[in-house]
Amino acid sequence: MITVPEPELELDIKLCILSPSFNIFFINILNKFVVIYKLFLCKIAYLGICKKANKFQKNKGLPNNVNFFLADIKRKLKIKPIYDLVFTERMLINLDSWASQKKSIIKLVNCLKPKGTMVLMENSATGLKKINDYRSMLNLKKIKAPWHNLYLDDNKMLNFKIKNCKLTEVISYSSTYYFLSRVVNAWLANQRGIKPNYNAKINKLAIKLPSISDCAQGKIYLYKKIS
């Protein structure tokens, strides 16, 4: 991965999924939370899992409907199952093994109310491979995931069974963006002997178009808790 999708692409997805009536548990290691709590009046618990999140400690400067705390996802989470929705954003991919990712997913499921929803907005190794398959057809260099990330394998996710929780859908929300920006725009730039400009008009166009196929690096794994 060279860059993440344009922020407005992911923001559109959040607007479709989140509701002002939800009690939300949002887990992230990046400074994207500000966008969330400024847009929604729902009750939010925000879990920071690295030092970058320290600025939010003790709820300093946060609205009354936001509760912030730091925790280690690899350890036991002392959180009651009170949330309508659990939402991660590129958190699981920062764990170093599939075993750790599975354990973390189960911990997050345990934070949900019965019939609650879990939204895992993560990066897909399967999607990245498809992007690279297209790039190889055009003699473009392979895109590698950052050394510190372990992208999710779609087949492993589909075969991973969780008690009282079901994976209902895998949404390839970023497929059009990645196909046009990492394949088409990259090829056009290569023909001109220049590096791709990720602010190019074709990339802006990609954000406005619906998703096609599943060559998406960014995907949503949508779960529903049964009871």
Foldseek 3Di string as FASTA:
>chain_A
DPDDADPVLVVVVCVVPDDLAWQEEEEEQDPPVVVVQVVHNHQYEYEHEDPVPVVCPPNVPHDPSYHYDYDHLQDQDPAAAPGQEYEYAAPLQQDDDPVSSLSSVLNSLRNHDAFHKYKYWHFAPVLLVVLQVLQVVLVHDRDDDPPSTDHHYPVCVQPDDDPQKHFDDKFQSCQLLSCCQVRVQQSVQVVVVHGGDCVDPSNVVSSVDGHDDRSHRTMIGMMTGND
